[in-house]
Amino acid sequence: MDKYIKNFSGEVVEALQNLPAEEIAKALDIIQATYERDGRIYIFGNGGSLALATHWVSDFNKTVFNHHLDAHVRRFQAIRLPSTESELTAWANDVGYDMVFAGPLKNYIQENDTIIAISSSGNSPNVIKAIELAKSYKIPVIGLSGFDGGKLNELADAKILIKTKPGEYEVVESVHGTILHLITRYFVNYFDHLVERGVRL
């Protein structure tokens, strides 16, 4: 059991030591620019990636601004797609599962927006459909993928690829969660710094 624990944690540590720092920095710049132009951030994925998207929306909309929750602070506008389970099943049942992200995205999308797409394989058809819609509007795409990155890594503007053997979902999703918290912590510190300098948000 001890060997198993060390082996798994070692795989995660190795992946963390090889984070694509330049691509993460690019994602930070995209998110900051989206905030500055008052755009929205749409986040989505399947299964564990959808759970991560939900977590990310919570951290962007609340945790980042924990110290500045007054009426005068403009905040992130992060939206998980779909925003409700009933919407998800309606699109899946009535139109097709390949449209569960692109369908709701079409309702909201504007030129100032950004999307964060999460897919371990990088090849989930419903994720790719939404990315193609975003690209048609020329809005930035931040892609979190694993394995060899798949089509998501090809299409994304910020390509956050966690390279692993195919099928190592647990490692990829663990590292994706760490990246979520890395980005959250960055913006907590960023906005704290602005407030300390007297910048009105």
N, C-alpha and C. Protein backbone atom coordinates (compact mmCIF):
# COMPACT_ATOMS: atom_id res chain seq x y z
N MET A 1 0.83 -1.21 0.00
CA MET A 1 0.00 0.00 0.00
C MET A 1 0.86 1.27 0.00
N ASP A 2 1.93 1.24 0.82
CA ASP A 2 2.82 2.40 0.89
C ASP A 2 3.46 2.66 -0.48
N LYS A 3 3.84 1.59 -1.17
CA LYS A 3 4.45 1.73 -2.49
C LYS A 3 3.46 2.34 -3.48
N TYR A 4 2.21 1.88 -3.42
CA TYR A 4 1.18 2.41 -4.32
C TYR A 4 1.00 3.91 -4.10
N ILE A 5 0.91 4.31 -2.84
CA ILE A 5 0.71 5.73 -2.51
C ILE A 5 1.88 6.56 -3.03
N LYS A 6 3.10 6.06 -2.81
CA LYS A 6 4.29 6.80 -3.26
C LYS A 6 4.35 6.87 -4.78
N ASN A 7 3.96 5.78 -5.44
CA ASN A 7 3.99 5.77 -6.91
C ASN A 7 3.01 6.79 -7.49
N PHE A 8 1.78 6.80 -6.95
CA PHE A 8 0.79 7.73 -7.48
C PHE A 8 1.19 9.17 -7.20
N SER A 9 1.57 9.44 -5.95
CA SER A 9 1.95 10.82 -5.62
C SER A 9 3.18 11.24 -6.42
N GLY A 10 4.07 10.28 -6.72
CA GLY A 10 5.23 10.59 -7.54
C GLY A 10 4.86 10.98 -8.95
N GLU A 11 3.84 10.32 -9.51
CA GLU A 11 3.36 10.67 -10.85
C GLU A 11 2.79 12.08 -10.87
N VAL A 12 2.04 12.43 -9.83
CA VAL A 12 1.46 13.77 -9.75
C VAL A 12 2.57 14.82 -9.60
N VAL A 13 3.53 14.54 -8.73
CA VAL A 13 4.64 15.47 -8.52
C VAL A 13 5.43 15.68 -9.81
N GLU A 14 5.68 14.60 -10.53
CA GLU A 14 6.41 14.71 -11.81
C GLU A 14 5.66 15.59 -12.80
N ALA A 15 4.34 15.40 -12.86
CA ALA A 15 3.52 16.23 -13.76
C ALA A 15 3.57 17.70 -13.33
N LEU A 16 3.53 17.95 -12.03
CA LEU A 16 3.58 19.32 -11.53
C LEU A 16 4.93 19.98 -11.83
N GLN A 17 5.98 19.18 -11.81
CA GLN A 17 7.32 19.73 -12.09
C GLN A 17 7.51 20.07 -13.56
N ASN A 18 6.59 19.61 -14.39
CA ASN A 18 6.68 19.87 -15.82
C ASN A 18 5.51 20.70 -16.34
N LEU A 19 4.98 21.56 -15.47
CA LEU A 19 3.87 22.42 -15.89
C LEU A 19 4.31 23.33 -17.05
N PRO A 20 3.43 23.57 -18.01
CA PRO A 20 3.75 24.49 -19.12
C PRO A 20 3.62 25.94 -18.66
N ALA A 21 4.68 26.44 -18.02
CA ALA A 21 4.61 27.75 -17.35
C ALA A 21 4.25 28.88 -18.31
N GLU A 22 4.81 28.85 -19.52
CA GLU A 22 4.52 29.93 -20.48
C GLU A 22 3.05 29.94 -20.87
N GLU A 23 2.46 28.77 -21.01
CA GLU A 23 1.05 28.70 -21.39
C GLU A 23 0.15 29.12 -20.23
N ILE A 24 0.54 28.79 -19.01
CA ILE A 24 -0.23 29.24 -17.84
C ILE A 24 -0.16 30.76 -17.73
N ALA A 25 1.03 31.32 -17.96
CA ALA A 25 1.18 32.78 -17.95
C ALA A 25 0.31 33.42 -19.03
N LYS A 26 0.24 32.78 -20.19
CA LYS A 26 -0.62 33.27 -21.26
C LYS A 26 -2.09 33.26 -20.82
N ALA A 27 -2.49 32.19 -20.13
CA ALA A 27 -3.87 32.10 -19.63
C ALA A 27 -4.16 33.20 -18.62
N LEU A 28 -3.20 33.48 -17.74
CA LEU A 28 -3.38 34.56 -16.77
C LEU A 28 -3.59 35.90 -17.48
N ASP A 29 -2.82 36.15 -18.52
CA ASP A 29 -2.96 37.40 -19.28
C ASP A 29 -4.34 37.48 -19.95
N ILE A 30 -4.80 36.36 -20.50
CA ILE A 30 -6.11 36.33 -21.16
C ILE A 30 -7.21 36.62 -20.15
N ILE A 31 -7.14 35.99 -18.98
CA ILE A 31 -8.17 36.18 -17.95
C ILE A 31 -8.16 37.62 -17.44
N GLN A 32 -6.96 38.17 -17.21
CA GLN A 32 -6.86 39.55 -16.75
C GLN A 32 -7.44 40.52 -17.78
N ALA A 33 -7.14 40.29 -19.05
CA ALA A 33 -7.66 41.15 -20.11
C ALA A 33 -9.18 41.04 -20.21
N THR A 34 -9.71 39.85 -19.98
CA THR A 34 -11.16 39.65 -20.01
C THR A 34 -11.82 40.45 -18.89
N TYR A 35 -11.22 40.43 -17.71
CA TYR A 35 -11.73 41.22 -16.58
C TYR A 35 -11.71 42.70 -16.93
N GLU A 36 -10.62 43.17 -17.49
CA GLU A 36 -10.45 44.60 -17.77
C GLU A 36 -11.43 45.10 -18.82
N ARG A 37 -11.86 44.23 -19.73
CA ARG A 37 -12.83 44.66 -20.74
C ARG A 37 -14.26 44.26 -20.35
N ASP A 38 -14.42 43.83 -19.09
CA ASP A 38 -15.73 43.50 -18.53
C ASP A 38 -16.40 42.34 -19.28
N GLY A 39 -15.60 41.37 -19.69
CA GLY A 39 -16.14 40.20 -20.38
C GLY A 39 -16.49 39.09 -19.41
N ARG A 40 -17.15 38.08 -19.93
CA ARG A 40 -17.51 36.91 -19.14
C ARG A 40 -16.55 35.75 -19.45
N ILE A 41 -16.46 34.84 -18.48
CA ILE A 41 -15.62 33.64 -18.63
C ILE A 41 -16.53 32.43 -18.52
N TYR A 42 -16.59 31.63 -19.57
CA TYR A 42 -17.41 30.42 -19.59
C TYR A 42 -16.50 29.21 -19.41
N ILE A 43 -16.87 28.33 -18.47
CA ILE A 43 -16.03 27.19 -18.12
C ILE A 43 -16.84 25.92 -18.24
N PHE A 44 -16.26 24.87 -18.83
CA PHE A 44 -17.04 23.65 -19.02
C PHE A 44 -16.14 22.44 -19.23
N GLY A 45 -16.73 21.26 -19.03
CA GLY A 45 -16.06 19.99 -19.25
C GLY A 45 -17.00 18.87 -18.85
N ASN A 46 -16.60 17.64 -19.06
CA ASN A 46 -17.41 16.47 -18.75
C ASN A 46 -16.93 15.77 -17.48
N GLY A 47 -17.86 15.17 -16.74
CA GLY A 47 -17.49 14.35 -15.59
C GLY A 47 -16.71 15.12 -14.54
N GLY A 48 -15.51 14.61 -14.21
CA GLY A 48 -14.67 15.30 -13.23
C GLY A 48 -14.30 16.70 -13.68
N SER A 49 -14.20 16.90 -14.99
CA SER A 49 -13.88 18.23 -15.51
C SER A 49 -15.03 19.21 -15.30
N LEU A 50 -16.27 18.70 -15.32
CA LEU A 50 -17.42 19.56 -15.02
C LEU A 50 -17.41 19.95 -13.55
N ALA A 51 -17.03 18.99 -12.68
CA ALA A 51 -16.91 19.31 -11.25
C ALA A 51 -15.84 20.38 -11.04
N LEU A 52 -14.74 20.26 -11.78
CA LEU A 52 -13.68 21.27 -11.68
C LEU A 52 -14.17 22.62 -12.20
N ALA A 53 -14.95 22.61 -13.27
CA ALA A 53 -15.51 23.86 -13.80
C ALA A 53 -16.40 24.54 -12.77
N THR A 54 -17.22 23.75 -12.07
CA THR A 54 -18.09 24.29 -11.03
C THR A 54 -17.27 24.91 -9.90
N HIS A 55 -16.22 24.21 -9.50
CA HIS A 55 -15.31 24.71 -8.46
C HIS A 55 -14.66 26.01 -8.91
N TRP A 56 -14.24 26.06 -10.15
CA TRP A 56 -13.56 27.23 -10.70
C TRP A 56 -14.47 28.45 -10.69
N VAL A 57 -15.72 28.26 -11.07
CA VAL A 57 -16.68 29.37 -11.06
C VAL A 57 -16.83 29.92 -9.65
N SER A 58 -16.92 29.04 -8.67
CA SER A 58 -17.04 29.47 -7.27
C SER A 58 -15.82 30.29 -6.85
N ASP A 59 -14.63 29.80 -7.18
CA ASP A 59 -13.41 30.52 -6.78
C ASP A 59 -13.26 31.84 -7.51
N PHE A 60 -13.60 31.89 -8.80
CA PHE A 60 -13.50 33.14 -9.55
C PHE A 60 -14.50 34.18 -9.05
N ASN A 61 -15.72 33.76 -8.81
CA ASN A 61 -16.78 34.72 -8.48
C ASN A 61 -16.76 35.16 -7.03
N LYS A 62 -16.19 34.35 -6.13
CA LYS A 62 -16.22 34.69 -4.72
C LYS A 62 -14.84 34.70 -4.06
N THR A 63 -14.10 33.57 -4.15
CA THR A 63 -12.85 33.44 -3.40
C THR A 63 -11.84 34.51 -3.77
N VAL A 64 -11.73 34.82 -5.05
CA VAL A 64 -10.77 35.82 -5.52
C VAL A 64 -11.00 37.17 -4.83
N PHE A 65 -12.26 37.46 -4.51
CA PHE A 65 -12.60 38.78 -3.96
C PHE A 65 -12.97 38.72 -2.49
N ASN A 66 -12.54 37.68 -1.77
CA ASN A 66 -12.91 37.50 -0.36
C ASN A 66 -12.68 38.75 0.48
N HIS A 67 -11.59 39.45 0.21
CA HIS A 67 -11.23 40.60 1.05
C HIS A 67 -11.88 41.90 0.58
N HIS A 68 -12.61 41.83 -0.51
CA HIS A 68 -13.14 43.06 -1.10
C HIS A 68 -14.60 42.89 -1.53
N LEU A 69 -15.39 42.25 -0.68
CA LEU A 69 -16.78 41.96 -1.06
C LEU A 69 -17.71 43.13 -0.73
N ASP A 70 -17.39 44.30 -1.25
CA ASP A 70 -18.27 45.45 -1.07
C ASP A 70 -18.90 45.81 -2.41
N ALA A 71 -19.87 46.68 -2.36
CA ALA A 71 -20.68 46.97 -3.54
C ALA A 71 -19.91 47.72 -4.63
N HIS A 72 -18.73 48.22 -4.30
CA HIS A 72 -18.01 49.07 -5.25
C HIS A 72 -16.94 48.32 -6.04
N VAL A 73 -16.83 47.02 -5.80
CA VAL A 73 -15.80 46.24 -6.48
C VAL A 73 -16.41 45.45 -7.63
N ARG A 74 -15.93 45.69 -8.83
CA ARG A 74 -16.34 44.89 -9.98
C ARG A 74 -15.64 43.55 -9.91
N ARG A 75 -16.36 42.48 -10.17
CA ARG A 75 -15.81 41.14 -9.99
C ARG A 75 -15.75 40.38 -11.30
N PHE A 76 -15.17 39.19 -11.23
CA PHE A 76 -15.23 38.30 -12.38
C PHE A 76 -16.68 37.91 -12.65
N GLN A 77 -16.97 37.62 -13.91
CA GLN A 77 -18.28 37.09 -14.30
C GLN A 77 -18.04 35.71 -14.91
N ALA A 78 -17.93 34.70 -14.05
CA ALA A 78 -17.65 33.34 -14.50
C ALA A 78 -18.94 32.53 -14.50
N ILE A 79 -19.16 31.79 -15.57
CA ILE A 79 -20.39 31.01 -15.74
C ILE A 79 -20.03 29.59 -16.16
N ARG A 80 -20.56 28.61 -15.43
CA ARG A 80 -20.38 27.22 -15.84
C ARG A 80 -21.41 26.88 -16.90
N LEU A 81 -20.97 26.15 -17.91
CA LEU A 81 -21.89 25.70 -18.96
C LEU A 81 -22.07 24.19 -18.88
N PRO A 82 -23.36 23.74 -18.93
CA PRO A 82 -24.57 24.52 -18.72
C PRO A 82 -24.65 24.97 -17.26
N SER A 83 -25.44 25.98 -17.00
CA SER A 83 -25.50 26.53 -15.65
C SER A 83 -26.39 25.71 -14.72
N THR A 84 -27.27 24.87 -15.26
CA THR A 84 -28.13 24.01 -14.44
C THR A 84 -28.17 22.60 -15.04
N GLU A 85 -28.50 21.63 -14.19
CA GLU A 85 -28.61 20.25 -14.65
C GLU A 85 -29.80 20.06 -15.58
N SER A 86 -30.89 20.80 -15.33
CA SER A 86 -32.06 20.68 -16.21
C SER A 86 -31.74 21.17 -17.62
N GLU A 87 -30.92 22.22 -17.70
CA GLU A 87 -30.50 22.72 -19.01
C GLU A 87 -29.62 21.69 -19.72
N LEU A 88 -28.74 21.05 -18.96
CA LEU A 88 -27.87 20.03 -19.53
C LEU A 88 -28.68 18.89 -20.13
N THR A 89 -29.66 18.38 -19.36
CA THR A 89 -30.44 17.25 -19.85
C THR A 89 -31.38 17.65 -20.98
N ALA A 90 -31.84 18.89 -20.98
CA ALA A 90 -32.70 19.35 -22.08
C ALA A 90 -31.93 19.37 -23.40
N TRP A 91 -30.73 19.92 -23.37
CA TRP A 91 -29.92 19.94 -24.59
C TRP A 91 -29.54 18.52 -25.01
N ALA A 92 -29.16 17.68 -24.05
CA ALA A 92 -28.74 16.32 -24.37
C ALA A 92 -29.89 15.49 -24.94
N ASN A 93 -31.07 15.60 -24.34
CA ASN A 93 -32.22 14.80 -24.74
C ASN A 93 -32.87 15.31 -26.02
N ASP A 94 -33.01 16.63 -26.13
CA ASP A 94 -33.78 17.21 -27.23
C ASP A 94 -32.96 17.51 -28.47
N VAL A 95 -31.68 17.79 -28.29
CA VAL A 95 -30.83 18.19 -29.42
C VAL A 95 -29.71 17.17 -29.65
N GLY A 96 -28.99 16.85 -28.59
CA GLY A 96 -27.88 15.91 -28.71
C GLY A 96 -26.79 16.25 -27.71
N TYR A 97 -26.14 15.21 -27.18
CA TYR A 97 -25.14 15.47 -26.15
C TYR A 97 -23.96 16.28 -26.67
N ASP A 98 -23.74 16.25 -27.96
CA ASP A 98 -22.64 17.03 -28.52
C ASP A 98 -22.89 18.54 -28.45
N MET A 99 -24.13 18.94 -28.09
CA MET A 99 -24.47 20.37 -28.03
C MET A 99 -24.68 20.89 -26.61
N VAL A 100 -24.34 20.10 -25.58
CA VAL A 100 -24.65 20.52 -24.21
C VAL A 100 -23.83 21.74 -23.77
N PHE A 101 -22.71 22.02 -24.43
CA PHE A 101 -21.92 23.22 -24.12
C PHE A 101 -22.10 24.30 -25.18
N ALA A 102 -22.05 23.92 -26.44
CA ALA A 102 -22.18 24.90 -27.52
C ALA A 102 -23.56 25.54 -27.53
N GLY A 103 -24.60 24.76 -27.21
CA GLY A 103 -25.96 25.30 -27.20
C GLY A 103 -26.12 26.44 -26.22
N PRO A 104 -25.83 26.22 -24.92
CA PRO A 104 -25.92 27.31 -23.95
C PRO A 104 -24.94 28.45 -24.25
N LEU A 105 -23.74 28.12 -24.74
CA LEU A 105 -22.76 29.17 -25.04
C LEU A 105 -23.29 30.14 -26.09
N LYS A 106 -24.01 29.62 -27.07
CA LYS A 106 -24.58 30.45 -28.13
C LYS A 106 -25.54 31.49 -27.55
N ASN A 107 -26.20 31.16 -26.43
CA ASN A 107 -27.14 32.10 -25.80
C ASN A 107 -26.44 33.33 -25.23
N TYR A 108 -25.19 33.16 -24.80
CA TYR A 108 -24.51 34.22 -24.05
C TYR A 108 -23.39 34.92 -24.81
N ILE A 109 -22.72 34.23 -25.69
CA ILE A 109 -21.40 34.62 -26.17
C ILE A 109 -21.37 36.02 -26.79
N GLN A 110 -20.35 36.81 -26.37
CA GLN A 110 -20.11 38.14 -26.91
C GLN A 110 -18.61 38.31 -27.15
N GLU A 111 -18.26 39.33 -27.90
CA GLU A 111 -16.87 39.46 -28.36
C GLU A 111 -15.87 39.72 -27.24
N ASN A 112 -16.32 40.18 -26.07
CA ASN A 112 -15.41 40.46 -24.96
C ASN A 112 -15.13 39.25 -24.08
N ASP A 113 -15.74 38.12 -24.39
CA ASP A 113 -15.71 36.96 -23.51
C ASP A 113 -14.50 36.05 -23.74
N THR A 114 -14.37 35.07 -22.85
CA THR A 114 -13.31 34.06 -22.93
C THR A 114 -13.89 32.73 -22.49
N ILE A 115 -13.36 31.62 -23.03
CA ILE A 115 -13.79 30.32 -22.52
C ILE A 115 -12.60 29.55 -21.96
N ILE A 116 -12.90 28.76 -20.93
CA ILE A 116 -11.94 27.80 -20.38
C ILE A 116 -12.53 26.42 -20.59
N ALA A 117 -11.91 25.64 -21.46
CA ALA A 117 -12.40 24.30 -21.80
C ALA A 117 -11.50 23.26 -21.14
N ILE A 118 -12.12 22.28 -20.47
CA ILE A 118 -11.37 21.27 -19.73
C ILE A 118 -11.72 19.89 -20.28
N SER A 119 -10.71 19.15 -20.73
CA SER A 119 -10.92 17.80 -21.24
C SER A 119 -9.61 17.03 -21.14
N SER A 120 -9.59 15.97 -20.34
CA SER A 120 -8.35 15.21 -20.16
C SER A 120 -7.83 14.67 -21.49
N SER A 121 -8.72 14.12 -22.30
CA SER A 121 -8.30 13.57 -23.59
C SER A 121 -8.07 14.65 -24.63
N GLY A 122 -8.77 15.77 -24.46
CA GLY A 122 -8.72 16.84 -25.45
C GLY A 122 -9.55 16.57 -26.68
N ASN A 123 -10.32 15.49 -26.64
CA ASN A 123 -11.08 15.10 -27.84
C ASN A 123 -12.57 14.93 -27.60
N SER A 124 -13.10 15.38 -26.48
CA SER A 124 -14.53 15.25 -26.22
C SER A 124 -15.31 16.04 -27.27
N PRO A 125 -16.18 15.38 -28.05
CA PRO A 125 -16.87 16.07 -29.15
C PRO A 125 -17.66 17.29 -28.70
N ASN A 126 -18.32 17.23 -27.53
CA ASN A 126 -19.11 18.37 -27.10
C ASN A 126 -18.23 19.55 -26.69
N VAL A 127 -17.06 19.27 -26.16
CA VAL A 127 -16.11 20.34 -25.83
C VAL A 127 -15.59 20.98 -27.12
N ILE A 128 -15.24 20.17 -28.09
CA ILE A 128 -14.71 20.70 -29.36
C ILE A 128 -15.75 21.54 -30.08
N LYS A 129 -17.03 21.12 -30.04
CA LYS A 129 -18.11 21.91 -30.68
C LYS A 129 -18.16 23.32 -30.09
N ALA A 130 -18.06 23.42 -28.76
CA ALA A 130 -18.12 24.73 -28.11
C ALA A 130 -16.89 25.57 -28.44
N ILE A 131 -15.74 24.93 -28.53
CA ILE A 131 -14.52 25.65 -28.91
C ILE A 131 -14.63 26.20 -30.32
N GLU A 132 -15.15 25.40 -31.22
CA GLU A 132 -15.31 25.85 -32.60
C GLU A 132 -16.26 27.04 -32.68
N LEU A 133 -17.30 27.03 -31.86
CA LEU A 133 -18.21 28.18 -31.80
C LEU A 133 -17.46 29.41 -31.30
N ALA A 134 -16.69 29.24 -30.23
CA ALA A 134 -15.92 30.37 -29.69
C ALA A 134 -14.95 30.92 -30.72
N LYS A 135 -14.28 30.03 -31.45
CA LYS A 135 -13.32 30.48 -32.46
C LYS A 135 -14.01 31.25 -33.58
N SER A 136 -15.26 30.89 -33.88
CA SER A 136 -15.99 31.61 -34.93
C SER A 136 -16.30 33.04 -34.50
N TYR A 137 -16.34 33.27 -33.18
CA TYR A 137 -16.54 34.62 -32.64
C TYR A 137 -15.21 35.31 -32.34
N LYS A 138 -14.11 34.60 -32.59
CA LYS A 138 -12.76 35.12 -32.36
C LYS A 138 -12.52 35.49 -30.90
N ILE A 139 -13.10 34.70 -29.98
CA ILE A 139 -12.83 34.94 -28.57
C ILE A 139 -11.77 33.95 -28.09
N PRO A 140 -10.96 34.35 -27.09
CA PRO A 140 -9.84 33.51 -26.65
C PRO A 140 -10.32 32.20 -26.02
N VAL A 141 -9.53 31.15 -26.23
CA VAL A 141 -9.81 29.83 -25.67
C VAL A 141 -8.62 29.40 -24.82
N ILE A 142 -8.89 29.13 -23.54
CA ILE A 142 -7.90 28.53 -22.66
C ILE A 142 -8.24 27.05 -22.56
N GLY A 143 -7.32 26.19 -22.93
CA GLY A 143 -7.58 24.76 -22.94
C GLY A 143 -6.75 24.02 -21.91
N LEU A 144 -7.41 23.23 -21.05
CA LEU A 144 -6.72 22.35 -20.11
C LEU A 144 -6.93 20.92 -20.58
N SER A 145 -5.85 20.26 -20.93
CA SER A 145 -5.95 18.89 -21.45
C SER A 145 -4.88 18.02 -20.83
N GLY A 146 -4.90 16.73 -21.22
CA GLY A 146 -3.90 15.77 -20.75
C GLY A 146 -3.50 14.84 -21.88
N PHE A 147 -2.78 13.75 -21.52
CA PHE A 147 -2.34 12.76 -22.50
C PHE A 147 -1.51 13.45 -23.60
N ASP A 148 -1.99 13.44 -24.86
CA ASP A 148 -1.26 14.15 -25.91
C ASP A 148 -1.92 15.47 -26.30
N GLY A 149 -2.97 15.86 -25.56
CA GLY A 149 -3.63 17.15 -25.79
C GLY A 149 -4.80 17.11 -26.73
N GLY A 150 -4.78 16.18 -27.69
CA GLY A 150 -5.89 16.05 -28.62
C GLY A 150 -6.18 17.32 -29.40
N LYS A 151 -7.40 17.41 -29.90
CA LYS A 151 -7.80 18.55 -30.73
C LYS A 151 -7.92 19.83 -29.91
N LEU A 152 -8.27 19.69 -28.62
CA LEU A 152 -8.38 20.86 -27.75
C LEU A 152 -7.05 21.61 -27.71
N ASN A 153 -5.97 20.89 -27.55
CA ASN A 153 -4.66 21.54 -27.48
C ASN A 153 -4.30 22.21 -28.79
N GLU A 154 -4.75 21.66 -29.90
CA GLU A 154 -4.50 22.26 -31.21
C GLU A 154 -5.24 23.58 -31.36
N LEU A 155 -6.48 23.64 -30.85
CA LEU A 155 -7.34 24.80 -31.09
C LEU A 155 -7.17 25.92 -30.06
N ALA A 156 -6.69 25.58 -28.87
CA ALA A 156 -6.63 26.57 -27.78
C ALA A 156 -5.59 27.65 -28.04
N ASP A 157 -5.85 28.84 -27.51
CA ASP A 157 -4.88 29.93 -27.56
C ASP A 157 -3.85 29.79 -26.45
N ALA A 158 -4.31 29.40 -25.26
CA ALA A 158 -3.41 29.05 -24.15
C ALA A 158 -3.52 27.54 -23.97
N LYS A 159 -2.43 26.83 -24.24
CA LYS A 159 -2.46 25.36 -24.32
C LYS A 159 -1.87 24.75 -23.05
N ILE A 160 -2.69 24.54 -22.05
CA ILE A 160 -2.22 23.99 -20.78
C ILE A 160 -2.35 22.47 -20.83
N LEU A 161 -1.31 21.83 -21.33
CA LEU A 161 -1.30 20.38 -21.55
C LEU A 161 -0.50 19.69 -20.44
N ILE A 162 -1.14 18.73 -19.78
CA ILE A 162 -0.46 17.89 -18.79
C ILE A 162 -0.14 16.57 -19.48
N LYS A 163 1.09 16.41 -19.90
CA LYS A 163 1.48 15.24 -20.68
C LYS A 163 1.60 14.01 -19.78
N THR A 164 0.80 13.00 -20.09
CA THR A 164 0.85 11.73 -19.38
C THR A 164 0.60 10.61 -20.38
N LYS A 165 0.70 9.38 -19.90
CA LYS A 165 0.28 8.25 -20.72
C LYS A 165 -1.23 8.32 -20.92
N PRO A 166 -1.75 7.83 -22.03
CA PRO A 166 -3.20 7.81 -22.24
C PRO A 166 -3.92 7.08 -21.11
N GLY A 167 -5.02 7.66 -20.66
CA GLY A 167 -5.84 7.02 -19.64
C GLY A 167 -5.52 7.39 -18.21
N GLU A 168 -4.49 8.21 -17.98
CA GLU A 168 -4.15 8.58 -16.61
C GLU A 168 -4.97 9.79 -16.16
N TYR A 169 -6.28 9.58 -16.11
CA TYR A 169 -7.21 10.65 -15.76
C TYR A 169 -6.95 11.20 -14.36
N GLU A 170 -6.64 10.30 -13.42
CA GLU A 170 -6.48 10.75 -12.03
C GLU A 170 -5.33 11.74 -11.89
N VAL A 171 -4.24 11.47 -12.59
CA VAL A 171 -3.09 12.37 -12.54
C VAL A 171 -3.44 13.70 -13.21
N VAL A 172 -4.03 13.63 -14.39
CA VAL A 172 -4.37 14.84 -15.14
C VAL A 172 -5.34 15.71 -14.34
N GLU A 173 -6.40 15.11 -13.81
CA GLU A 173 -7.41 15.88 -13.08
C GLU A 173 -6.83 16.45 -11.78
N SER A 174 -5.92 15.72 -11.13
CA SER A 174 -5.27 16.24 -9.92
C SER A 174 -4.47 17.49 -10.24
N VAL A 175 -3.75 17.46 -11.35
CA VAL A 175 -2.92 18.61 -11.73
C VAL A 175 -3.79 19.76 -12.23
N HIS A 176 -4.85 19.45 -12.96
CA HIS A 176 -5.79 20.50 -13.38
C HIS A 176 -6.34 21.24 -12.16
N GLY A 177 -6.65 20.50 -11.08
CA GLY A 177 -7.14 21.13 -9.86
C GLY A 177 -6.11 22.05 -9.25
N THR A 178 -4.85 21.65 -9.30
CA THR A 178 -3.77 22.50 -8.79
C THR A 178 -3.64 23.78 -9.61
N ILE A 179 -3.78 23.65 -10.92
CA ILE A 179 -3.72 24.83 -11.79
C ILE A 179 -4.86 25.79 -11.47
N LEU A 180 -6.04 25.24 -11.22
CA LEU A 180 -7.18 26.07 -10.80
C LEU A 180 -6.78 26.92 -9.59
N HIS A 181 -6.19 26.26 -8.58
CA HIS A 181 -5.84 26.99 -7.36
C HIS A 181 -4.66 27.93 -7.58
N LEU A 182 -3.75 27.57 -8.47
CA LEU A 182 -2.65 28.47 -8.82
C LEU A 182 -3.21 29.76 -9.41
N ILE A 183 -4.13 29.63 -10.34
CA ILE A 183 -4.71 30.81 -10.98
C ILE A 183 -5.55 31.61 -9.99
N THR A 184 -6.31 30.92 -9.15
CA THR A 184 -7.10 31.61 -8.13
C THR A 184 -6.19 32.41 -7.21
N ARG A 185 -5.13 31.77 -6.70
CA ARG A 185 -4.20 32.47 -5.80
C ARG A 185 -3.56 33.67 -6.48
N TYR A 186 -3.22 33.53 -7.75
CA TYR A 186 -2.63 34.65 -8.48
C TYR A 186 -3.55 35.86 -8.45
N PHE A 187 -4.84 35.64 -8.72
CA PHE A 187 -5.75 36.78 -8.79
C PHE A 187 -6.14 37.30 -7.41
N VAL A 188 -6.14 36.45 -6.39
CA VAL A 188 -6.30 36.95 -5.02
C VAL A 188 -5.19 37.95 -4.73
N ASN A 189 -3.95 37.57 -5.00
CA ASN A 189 -2.80 38.44 -4.75
C ASN A 189 -2.82 39.68 -5.65
N TYR A 190 -3.24 39.50 -6.90
CA TYR A 190 -3.28 40.60 -7.86
C TYR A 190 -4.25 41.69 -7.40
N PHE A 191 -5.46 41.29 -7.02
CA PHE A 191 -6.44 42.28 -6.61
C PHE A 191 -6.11 42.87 -5.24
N ASP A 192 -5.54 42.06 -4.34
CA ASP A 192 -5.08 42.61 -3.06
C ASP A 192 -4.04 43.71 -3.31
N HIS A 193 -3.13 43.46 -4.23
CA HIS A 193 -2.08 44.43 -4.54
C HIS A 193 -2.67 45.72 -5.11
N LEU A 194 -3.66 45.59 -5.99
CA LEU A 194 -4.29 46.79 -6.55
C LEU A 194 -4.97 47.62 -5.47
N VAL A 195 -5.67 46.94 -4.57
CA VAL A 195 -6.38 47.65 -3.49
C VAL A 195 -5.38 48.34 -2.57
N GLU A 196 -4.27 47.68 -2.26
CA GLU A 196 -3.24 48.28 -1.41
C GLU A 196 -2.66 49.54 -2.04
N ARG A 197 -2.63 49.57 -3.36
CA ARG A 197 -2.13 50.76 -4.08
C ARG A 197 -3.20 51.82 -4.26
N GLY A 198 -4.40 51.53 -3.79
CA GLY A 198 -5.48 52.50 -3.90
C GLY A 198 -6.18 52.52 -5.24
N VAL A 199 -5.97 51.47 -6.03
CA VAL A 199 -6.62 51.38 -7.34
C VAL A 199 -8.07 50.96 -7.14
N ARG A 200 -8.99 51.69 -7.75
CA ARG A 200 -10.41 51.35 -7.64
C ARG A 200 -10.76 50.27 -8.66
N LEU A 201 -11.28 49.16 -8.17
CA LEU A 201 -11.60 48.03 -9.05
C LEU A 201 -12.94 48.22 -9.71
